[in-house]
C-alpha atoms as a PDB file:
ATOM      1  CA  MET A   1     -17.616   1.352   8.812  1.00  0.00           C
ATOM      2  CA  GLU A   2     -16.145   1.914   5.344  1.00  0.00           C
ATOM      3  CA  LEU A   3     -12.874   3.105   6.873  1.00  0.00           C
ATOM      4  CA  ILE A   4     -12.755   0.127   9.262  1.00  0.00           C
ATOM      5  CA  LEU A   5     -13.315  -2.388   6.463  1.00  0.00           C
ATOM      6  CA  SER A   6     -10.793  -0.618   4.232  1.00  0.00           C
ATOM      7  CA  GLY A   7      -8.272  -0.695   7.076  1.00  0.00           C
ATOM      8  CA  MET A   8      -8.769  -4.441   7.534  1.00  0.00           C
ATOM      9  CA  VAL A   9      -8.239  -5.045   3.806  1.00  0.00           C
ATOM     10  CA  VAL A  10      -5.067  -2.931   3.763  1.00  0.00           C
ATOM     11  CA  ALA A  11      -3.713  -4.652   6.897  1.00  0.00           C
ATOM     12  CA  VAL A  12      -4.163  -8.150   5.427  1.00  0.00           C
ATOM     13  CA  ALA A  13      -2.658  -7.059   2.089  1.00  0.00           C
ATOM     14  CA  ALA A  14       0.362  -5.411   3.771  1.00  0.00           C
ATOM     15  CA  LEU A  15       0.937  -8.462   5.967  1.00  0.00           C
ATOM     16  CA  PHE A  16       0.839 -10.647   2.848  1.00  0.00           C
ATOM     17  CA  ARG A  17       3.394  -8.446   1.082  1.00  0.00           C
ATOM     18  CA  GLY A  18       5.636  -8.620   4.116  1.00  0.00           C
ATOM     19  CA  VAL A  19       5.574 -12.408   3.882  1.00  0.00           C
ATOM     20  CA  THR A  20       5.776 -12.842   0.092  1.00  0.00           C
ATOM     21  CA  GLY A  21       7.381  -9.642  -1.244  1.00  0.00           C
ATOM     22  CA  PHE A  22       4.512  -9.101  -3.680  1.00  0.00           C
ATOM     23  CA  GLY A  23       0.728  -9.125  -3.734  1.00  0.00           C
ATOM     24  CA  PHE A  24      -0.209  -5.987  -1.792  1.00  0.00           C
ATOM     25  CA  ALA A  25      -1.844  -4.291  -4.778  1.00  0.00           C
ATOM     26  CA  LEU A  26      -3.441  -7.569  -5.830  1.00  0.00           C
ATOM     27  CA  LEU A  27      -5.131  -8.157  -2.476  1.00  0.00           C
ATOM     28  CA  ALA A  28      -5.901  -4.512  -1.782  1.00  0.00           C
ATOM     29  CA  ALA A  29      -7.554  -4.054  -5.186  1.00  0.00           C
ATOM     30  CA  LEU A  30      -9.584  -7.213  -4.652  1.00  0.00           C
ATOM     31  CA  GLY A  31     -10.900  -5.990  -1.302  1.00  0.00           C
ATOM     32  CA  LEU A  32     -11.219  -2.254  -1.917  1.00  0.00           C
ATOM     33  CA  SER A  33     -12.958  -2.677  -5.291  1.00  0.00           C
ATOM     34  CA  SER A  34     -16.222  -3.361  -3.461  1.00  0.00           C
ATOM     35  CA  LEU A  35     -15.737  -0.589  -0.873  1.00  0.00           C
ATOM     36  CA  LEU A  36     -14.408   2.398  -2.816  1.00  0.00           C
ATOM     37  CA  ALA A  37     -14.752   3.774  -6.333  1.00  0.00           C
ATOM     38  CA  PRO A  38     -11.822   2.627  -8.527  1.00  0.00           C
ATOM     39  CA  ALA A  39     -10.733   6.233  -9.080  1.00  0.00           C
ATOM     40  CA  THR A  40     -10.364   6.558  -5.292  1.00  0.00           C
ATOM     41  CA  ALA A  41      -8.971   3.099  -4.483  1.00  0.00           C
ATOM     42  CA  THR A  42      -6.228   2.976  -7.130  1.00  0.00           C
ATOM     43  CA  PRO A  43      -4.157   6.045  -6.064  1.00  0.00           C
ATOM     44  CA  ILE A  44      -4.475   4.952  -2.424  1.00  0.00           C
ATOM     45  CA  ILE A  45      -3.102   1.521  -3.316  1.00  0.00           C
ATOM     46  CA  LEU A  46      -0.310   3.060  -5.408  1.00  0.00           C
ATOM     47  CA  ILE A  47       0.975   5.387  -2.680  1.00  0.00           C
ATOM     48  CA  ILE A  48       0.878   2.664  -0.012  1.00  0.00           C
ATOM     49  CA  ASP A  49       2.625   0.239  -2.374  1.00  0.00           C
ATOM     50  CA  ILE A  50       5.368   2.832  -2.929  1.00  0.00           C
ATOM     51  CA  VAL A  51       6.007   3.056   0.821  1.00  0.00           C
ATOM     52  CA  LEU A  52       6.018  -0.735   1.261  1.00  0.00           C
ATOM     53  CA  THR A  53       8.437  -1.046  -1.649  1.00  0.00           C
ATOM     54  CA  GLY A  54      10.733   1.377   0.147  1.00  0.00           C
ATOM     55  CA  LEU A  55      10.592  -0.831   3.245  1.00  0.00           C
ATOM     56  CA  ILE A  56      11.560  -3.897   1.210  1.00  0.00           C
ATOM     57  CA  LEU A  57      14.486  -2.044  -0.387  1.00  0.00           C
ATOM     58  CA  ARG A  58      15.787  -0.441   2.801  1.00  0.00           C
ATOM     59  CA  ASP A  59      18.477  -3.167   3.007  1.00  0.00           C
ATOM     60  CA  PHE A  60      19.249  -2.886  -0.709  1.00  0.00           C
ATOM     61  CA  ASP A  61      21.846  -5.263  -2.120  1.00  0.00           C
ATOM     62  CA  ARG A  62      22.851  -4.923  -5.797  1.00  0.00           C
ATOM     63  CA  ALA A  63      23.792  -8.590  -5.890  1.00  0.00           C
ATOM     64  CA  LYS A  64      20.177  -9.533  -5.153  1.00  0.00           C
ATOM     65  CA  VAL A  65      18.802  -7.891  -8.326  1.00  0.00           C
ATOM     66  CA  ASP A  66      18.572  -9.424 -11.802  1.00  0.00           C
ATOM     67  CA  TRP A  67      19.724  -6.271 -13.622  1.00  0.00           C
ATOM     68  CA  ARG A  68      19.180  -7.621 -17.140  1.00  0.00           C
ATOM     69  CA  ALA A  69      15.555  -8.473 -16.382  1.00  0.00           C
ATOM     70  CA  CYS A  70      15.136  -5.226 -14.436  1.00  0.00           C
ATOM     71  CA  SER A  71      16.315  -3.131 -17.409  1.00  0.00           C
ATOM     72  CA  ILE A  72      13.761  -4.836 -19.688  1.00  0.00           C
ATOM     73  CA  LEU A  73      10.959  -4.330 -17.167  1.00  0.00           C
ATOM     74  CA  LEU A  74      11.765  -0.656 -16.611  1.00  0.00           C
ATOM     75  CA  SER A  75      12.321   0.182 -20.294  1.00  0.00           C
ATOM     76  CA  PHE A  76       8.876  -1.028 -21.330  1.00  0.00           C
ATOM     77  CA  GLY A  77       6.994  -0.845 -18.032  1.00  0.00           C
ATOM     78  CA  LEU A  78       7.434   2.885 -17.528  1.00  0.00           C
ATOM     79  CA  PHE A  79       5.812   3.558 -20.912  1.00  0.00           C
ATOM     80  CA  GLY A  80       2.787   1.547 -19.778  1.00  0.00           C
ATOM     81  CA  ALA A  81       2.775   3.330 -16.417  1.00  0.00           C
ATOM     82  CA  VAL A  82       2.138   6.679 -18.137  1.00  0.00           C
ATOM     83  CA  LEU A  83      -0.728   5.253 -20.203  1.00  0.00           C
ATOM     84  CA  GLY A  84      -2.469   3.405 -17.358  1.00  0.00           C
ATOM     85  CA  PRO A  85      -4.208   6.324 -15.615  1.00  0.00           C
ATOM     86  CA  TYR A  86      -5.611   7.605 -18.917  1.00  0.00           C
ATOM     87  CA  VAL A  87      -6.907   4.146 -19.847  1.00  0.00           C
ATOM     88  CA  ALA A  88      -8.632   3.872 -16.459  1.00  0.00           C
ATOM     89  CA  PHE A  89     -10.024   7.411 -16.678  1.00  0.00           C
ATOM     90  CA  ALA A  90     -11.665   6.614 -20.018  1.00  0.00           C
ATOM     91  CA  LEU A  91     -13.651   3.669 -18.585  1.00  0.00           C
ATOM     92  CA  ASP A  92     -16.749   3.660 -16.363  1.00  0.00           C
ATOM     93  CA  ASP A  93     -16.598   2.272 -12.809  1.00  0.00           C
ATOM     94  CA  GLN A  94     -18.432  -0.981 -13.633  1.00  0.00           C
ATOM     95  CA  THR A  95     -16.115  -1.775 -16.542  1.00  0.00           C
ATOM     96  CA  ILE A  96     -13.079  -0.994 -14.390  1.00  0.00           C
ATOM     97  CA  ARG A  97     -14.302  -3.298 -11.602  1.00  0.00           C
ATOM     98  CA  ILE A  98     -14.868  -6.182 -14.027  1.00  0.00           C
ATOM     99  CA  ALA A  99     -11.516  -5.588 -15.766  1.00  0.00           C
ATOM    100  CA  THR A 100      -9.753  -5.359 -12.399  1.00  0.00           C
ATOM    101  CA  ASN A 101     -11.177  -8.642 -11.138  1.00  0.00           C
ATOM    102  CA  LEU A 102     -10.352 -10.396 -14.409  1.00  0.00           C
ATOM    103  CA  ALA A 103      -6.765  -9.151 -14.172  1.00  0.00           C
ATOM    104  CA  ILE A 104      -6.583 -10.282 -10.539  1.00  0.00           C
ATOM    105  CA  ALA A 105      -7.827 -13.766 -11.412  1.00  0.00           C
ATOM    106  CA  VAL A 106      -5.471 -14.171 -14.401  1.00  0.00           C
ATOM    107  CA  ALA A 107      -2.483 -12.802 -12.477  1.00  0.00           C
ATOM    108  CA  ALA A 108      -3.151 -15.091  -9.527  1.00  0.00           C
ATOM    109  CA  LEU A 109      -3.536 -18.159 -11.741  1.00  0.00           C
ATOM    110  CA  VAL A 110      -0.291 -17.438 -13.622  1.00  0.00           C
ATOM    111  CA  ALA A 111       1.595 -16.827 -10.391  1.00  0.00           C
ATOM    112  CA  MET A 112       0.495 -20.241  -9.111  1.00  0.00           C
ATOM    113  CA  LEU A 113       2.658 -21.922 -11.760  1.00  0.00           C
ATOM    114  CA  HIS A 114       5.602 -23.368  -9.841  1.00  0.00           C
ATOM    115  CA  HIS A 115       7.600 -23.811 -13.052  1.00  0.00           C
ATOM    116  CA  PRO A 116       6.321 -21.391 -15.738  1.00  0.00           C
ATOM    117  CA  PRO A 117       6.958 -22.614 -19.317  1.00  0.00           C
ATOM    118  CA  LYS A 118      10.363 -21.625 -20.763  1.00  0.00           C
ATOM    119  CA  TRP A 119       8.809 -19.720 -23.692  1.00  0.00           C
ATOM    120  CA  MET A 120       7.274 -17.309 -21.203  1.00  0.00           C
ATOM    121  CA  GLY A 121      10.756 -16.040 -20.271  1.00  0.00           C
ATOM    122  CA  HIS A 122      11.506 -14.739 -23.796  1.00  0.00           C
ATOM    123  CA  PHE A 123      12.562 -11.094 -24.227  1.00  0.00           C
ATOM    124  CA  VAL A 124       9.526 -10.242 -26.384  1.00  0.00           C
ATOM    125  CA  ILE A 125       7.147 -11.763 -23.821  1.00  0.00           C
ATOM    126  CA  GLY A 126       8.882  -9.772 -21.078  1.00  0.00           C
ATOM    127  CA  ALA A 127       8.601  -6.527 -23.023  1.00  0.00           C
ATOM    128  CA  LEU A 128       4.888  -7.060 -23.715  1.00  0.00           C
ATOM    129  CA  LEU A 129       4.191  -8.066 -20.115  1.00  0.00           C
ATOM    130  CA  ALA A 130       6.203  -5.148 -18.714  1.00  0.00           C
ATOM    131  CA  CYS A 131       4.194  -2.643 -20.763  1.00  0.00           C
ATOM    132  CA  SER A 132       0.841  -4.366 -20.153  1.00  0.00           C
ATOM    133  CA  VAL A 133       1.433  -4.738 -16.424  1.00  0.00           C
ATOM    134  CA  GLY A 134       2.610  -1.126 -16.289  1.00  0.00           C
ATOM    135  CA  ILE A 135      -0.807  -0.121 -17.643  1.00  0.00           C
ATOM    136  CA  LEU A 136      -2.622  -2.491 -15.281  1.00  0.00           C
ATOM    137  CA  MET A 137      -0.678  -1.422 -12.189  1.00  0.00           C
ATOM    138  CA  SER A 138      -0.813   2.336 -12.712  1.00  0.00           C
ATOM    139  CA  GLY A 139      -4.393   2.238 -13.988  1.00  0.00           C
ATOM    140  CA  PHE A 140      -5.982  -0.456 -11.836  1.00  0.00           C
ATOM    141  CA  ALA A 141      -3.288  -1.441  -9.272  1.00  0.00           C
ATOM    142  CA  VAL A 142      -3.199  -5.117 -10.341  1.00  0.00           C
ATOM    143  CA  GLY A 143      -1.157  -7.503 -12.480  1.00  0.00           C
ATOM    144  CA  GLY A 144       2.187  -7.780 -10.659  1.00  0.00           C
ATOM    145  CA  PRO A 145       2.330 -11.601 -10.411  1.00  0.00           C
ATOM    146  CA  LEU A 146       2.400 -11.806 -14.224  1.00  0.00           C
ATOM    147  CA  VAL A 147       5.856 -10.208 -14.101  1.00  0.00           C
ATOM    148  CA  ALA A 148       6.904 -12.559 -11.298  1.00  0.00           C
ATOM    149  CA  ALA A 149       6.002 -15.520 -13.522  1.00  0.00           C
ATOM    150  CA  TRP A 150       8.126 -14.047 -16.363  1.00  0.00           C
ATOM    151  CA  LEU A 151      11.128 -13.691 -14.053  1.00  0.00           C
ATOM    152  CA  LEU A 152      10.833 -17.295 -12.880  1.00  0.00           C
ATOM    153  CA  ALA A 153      10.402 -18.575 -16.447  1.00  0.00           C
ATOM    154  CA  GLY A 154      13.529 -16.674 -17.477  1.00  0.00           C
ATOM    155  CA  GLY A 155      15.602 -18.321 -14.761  1.00  0.00           C
ATOM    156  CA  THR A 156      15.842 -15.492 -12.227  1.00  0.00           C
ATOM    157  CA  GLN A 157      16.813 -16.984  -8.877  1.00  0.00           C
ATOM    158  CA  ASP A 158      14.248 -16.831  -6.092  1.00  0.00           C
ATOM    159  CA  VAL A 159      16.487 -14.611  -3.955  1.00  0.00           C
ATOM    160  CA  ARG A 160      16.619 -12.015  -6.767  1.00  0.00           C
ATOM    161  CA  VAL A 161      12.917 -12.044  -7.625  1.00  0.00           C
ATOM    162  CA  ARG A 162      11.890 -10.091  -4.506  1.00  0.00           C
ATOM    163  CA  ASN A 163      14.207  -7.100  -5.084  1.00  0.00           C
ATOM    164  CA  THR A 164      13.832  -7.061  -8.888  1.00  0.00           C
ATOM    165  CA  LEU A 165      10.062  -6.909  -8.501  1.00  0.00           C
ATOM    166  CA  ALA A 166      10.363  -4.217  -5.829  1.00  0.00           C
ATOM    167  CA  ILE A 167      12.381  -1.936  -8.149  1.00  0.00           C
ATOM    168  CA  TYR A 168       9.931  -2.425 -11.031  1.00  0.00           C
ATOM    169  CA  PHE A 169       6.820  -2.026  -8.858  1.00  0.00           C
ATOM    170  CA  GLY A 170       8.256   1.054  -7.180  1.00  0.00           C
ATOM    171  CA  ALA A 171       9.120   2.775 -10.465  1.00  0.00           C
ATOM    172  CA  VAL A 172       5.738   1.990 -12.044  1.00  0.00           C
ATOM    173  CA  ASP A 173       3.839   3.049  -8.918  1.00  0.00           C
ATOM    174  CA  VAL A 174       5.719   6.355  -8.655  1.00  0.00           C
ATOM    175  CA  LEU A 175       5.268   7.250 -12.329  1.00  0.00           C
ATOM    176  CA  GLY A 176       1.629   6.150 -12.319  1.00  0.00           C
ATOM    177  CA  PHE A 177       0.903   8.241  -9.227  1.00  0.00           C
ATOM    178  CA  ILE A 178       2.732  11.303 -10.602  1.00  0.00           C
ATOM    179  CA  THR A 179       0.764  10.992 -13.858  1.00  0.00           C
ATOM    180  CA  ARG A 180      -2.528  10.879 -11.935  1.00  0.00           C
ATOM    181  CA  ALA A 181      -1.579  13.827  -9.743  1.00  0.00           C
ATOM    182  CA  ALA A 182      -0.368  15.948 -12.674  1.00  0.00           C
ATOM    183  CA  ALA A 183      -3.579  15.237 -14.607  1.00  0.00           C
ATOM    184  CA  GLY A 184      -5.788  16.132 -11.621  1.00  0.00           C
ATOM    185  CA  MET A 185      -7.110  12.583 -11.215  1.00  0.00           C
ATOM    186  CA  LEU A 186      -6.703  12.375  -7.432  1.00  0.00           C
ATOM    187  CA  PRO A 187      -9.883  12.546  -5.290  1.00  0.00           C
ATOM    188  CA  ASP A 188     -10.411  15.792  -3.383  1.00  0.00           C
ATOM    189  CA  ASN A 189     -10.115  14.114   0.034  1.00  0.00           C
ATOM    190  CA  PHE A 190      -7.122  11.960  -0.945  1.00  0.00           C
ATOM    191  CA  ILE A 191      -4.803  12.945   1.931  1.00  0.00           C
ATOM    192  CA  ALA A 192      -7.471  12.330   4.571  1.00  0.00           C
ATOM    193  CA  LEU A 193      -8.249   8.923   3.070  1.00  0.00           C
ATOM    194  CA  VAL A 194      -4.725   7.664   2.528  1.00  0.00           C
ATOM    195  CA  LEU A 195      -2.980   8.696   5.771  1.00  0.00           C
ATOM    196  CA  PRO A 196      -4.806   6.361   8.218  1.00  0.00           C
ATOM    197  CA  LEU A 197      -4.607   3.470   5.735  1.00  0.00           C
ATOM    198  CA  LEU A 198      -0.899   4.112   5.187  1.00  0.00           C
ATOM    199  CA  VAL A 199      -0.246   3.924   8.943  1.00  0.00           C
ATOM    200  CA  ILE A 200      -2.199   0.662   9.170  1.00  0.00           C
ATOM    201  CA  ALA A 201      -0.240  -0.798   6.232  1.00  0.00           C
ATOM    202  CA  MET A 202       3.138   0.069   7.752  1.00  0.00           C
ATOM    203  CA  ILE A 203       2.168  -1.442  11.104  1.00  0.00           C
ATOM    204  CA  ALA A 204       0.929  -4.652   9.441  1.00  0.00           C
ATOM    205  CA  TYR A 205       3.928  -5.031   7.106  1.00  0.00           C
ATOM    206  CA  PHE A 206       6.596  -5.665   9.752  1.00  0.00           C
ATOM    207  CA  PRO A 207       5.022  -8.788  11.326  1.00  0.00           C
ATOM    208  CA  GLY A 208       4.799 -10.205   7.791  1.00  0.00           C
ATOM    209  CA  GLU A 209       8.488  -9.515   7.197  1.00  0.00           C
ATOM    210  CA  MET A 210       9.357 -11.209  10.504  1.00  0.00           C
ATOM    211  CA  ILE A 211       7.393 -14.277   9.401  1.00  0.00           C
ATOM    212  CA  TYR A 212       9.220 -14.277   6.051  1.00  0.00           C
ATOM    213  CA  ARG A 213      12.641 -14.244   7.732  1.00  0.00           C
ATOM    214  CA  ARG A 214      11.705 -17.295   9.799  1.00  0.00           C
ATOM    215  CA  MET A 215      10.239 -19.357   6.946  1.00  0.00           C
ATOM    216  CA  SER A 216      12.061 -21.977   4.911  1.00  0.00           C
ATOM    217  CA  ALA A 217      12.030 -21.608   1.110  1.00  0.00           C
ATOM    218  CA  THR A 218       9.701 -24.603   0.806  1.00  0.00           C
ATOM    219  CA  THR A 219       7.208 -23.220   3.315  1.00  0.00           C
ATOM    220  CA  TRP A 220       7.338 -19.803   1.635  1.00  0.00           C
ATOM    221  CA  ARG A 221       6.469 -21.304  -1.759  1.00  0.00           C
ATOM    222  CA  ARG A 222       3.586 -23.291  -0.254  1.00  0.00           C
ATOM    223  CA  VAL A 223       2.153 -20.233   1.499  1.00  0.00           C
ATOM    224  CA  CYS A 224       2.328 -18.243  -1.750  1.00  0.00           C
ATOM    225  CA  ALA A 225       0.697 -21.029  -3.774  1.00  0.00           C
ATOM    226  CA  ILE A 226      -2.177 -21.618  -1.341  1.00  0.00           C
ATOM    227  CA  SER A 227      -2.824 -17.897  -0.923  1.00  0.00           C
ATOM    228  CA  LEU A 228      -2.869 -17.296  -4.663  1.00  0.00           C
ATOM    229  CA  VAL A 229      -5.318 -20.155  -5.179  1.00  0.00           C
ATOM    230  CA  LEU A 230      -7.710 -18.471  -2.746  1.00  0.00           C
ATOM    231  CA  ILE A 231      -7.171 -15.073  -4.396  1.00  0.00           C
ATOM    232  CA  ALA A 232      -7.882 -16.547  -7.828  1.00  0.00           C
ATOM    233  CA  ILE A 233     -11.119 -18.166  -6.609  1.00  0.00           C
ATOM    234  CA  ILE A 234     -12.323 -14.934  -4.990  1.00  0.00           C
ATOM    235  CA  GLY A 235     -11.339 -12.924  -8.083  1.00  0.00           C
ATOM    236  CA  PHE A 236     -13.337 -15.197 -10.391  1.00  0.00           C
ATOM    237  CA  ALA A 237     -16.305 -15.142  -8.028  1.00  0.00           C
ATOM    238  CA  GLN A 238     -16.313 -11.342  -7.908  1.00  0.00           C
ATOM    239  CA  THR A 239     -15.977 -11.107 -11.686  1.00  0.00           C
ATOM    240  CA  ILE A 240     -18.976 -13.404 -12.184  1.00  0.00           C
ATOM    241  CA  ALA A 241     -21.008 -11.493  -9.561  1.00  0.00           C
ATOM    242  CA  LEU A 242     -20.233  -8.126 -11.192  1.00  0.00           C
ATOM    243  CA  GLY A 243     -21.162  -9.461 -14.600  1.00  0.00           C
ATOM    244  CA  LEU A 244     -24.615 -10.630 -13.463  1.00  0.00           C
END
């Protein structure tokens, strides 16, 4: 039953990423946090997110990347990616679950801003967010929409947001996973757990991508906004429930 429920969560999250270009880790962490221990769920989410990022970048186009923003994100985000697993390892499961749901709720709320304030696109804000989100993503597999909001506030065009995020997410995920593996933080049955969920994610991703290619920009923004509202509500509800 645990595997079935985990598979359903991963399928929905992968479908969502196929449609939006982001949000797999956000949704997967939200669903898996109540099914698996954080130390087990996070590396599973990271490795699946790496594969989905590869699928997004398979038709890579340099012109569709904001390289200035990408260099800022990578310079500071990779430092955070190394720290994340150690931060998570130092906390107990209950604290991690509460912190994860808080990060999910905040990230979802920020991402709902259609026009983030201009001050949010400043270099210093980007550097702080890149490092902080690097810690959150590699340690808890959440926080990505905060970076999306920074890109939009800084004027990155919608068509470049998807690929810029994919490069940053992919680099942080890979470094975070390598750090966990090198430090012996992977669960003993990791391969057996991740393989069936990875297959499910890959199968679910492609219908989402097909939907994305058929959507207008206006419809895409509405779908993202409505979905993130629901994610934020669920994240707050889970945080309150865990704190009781």
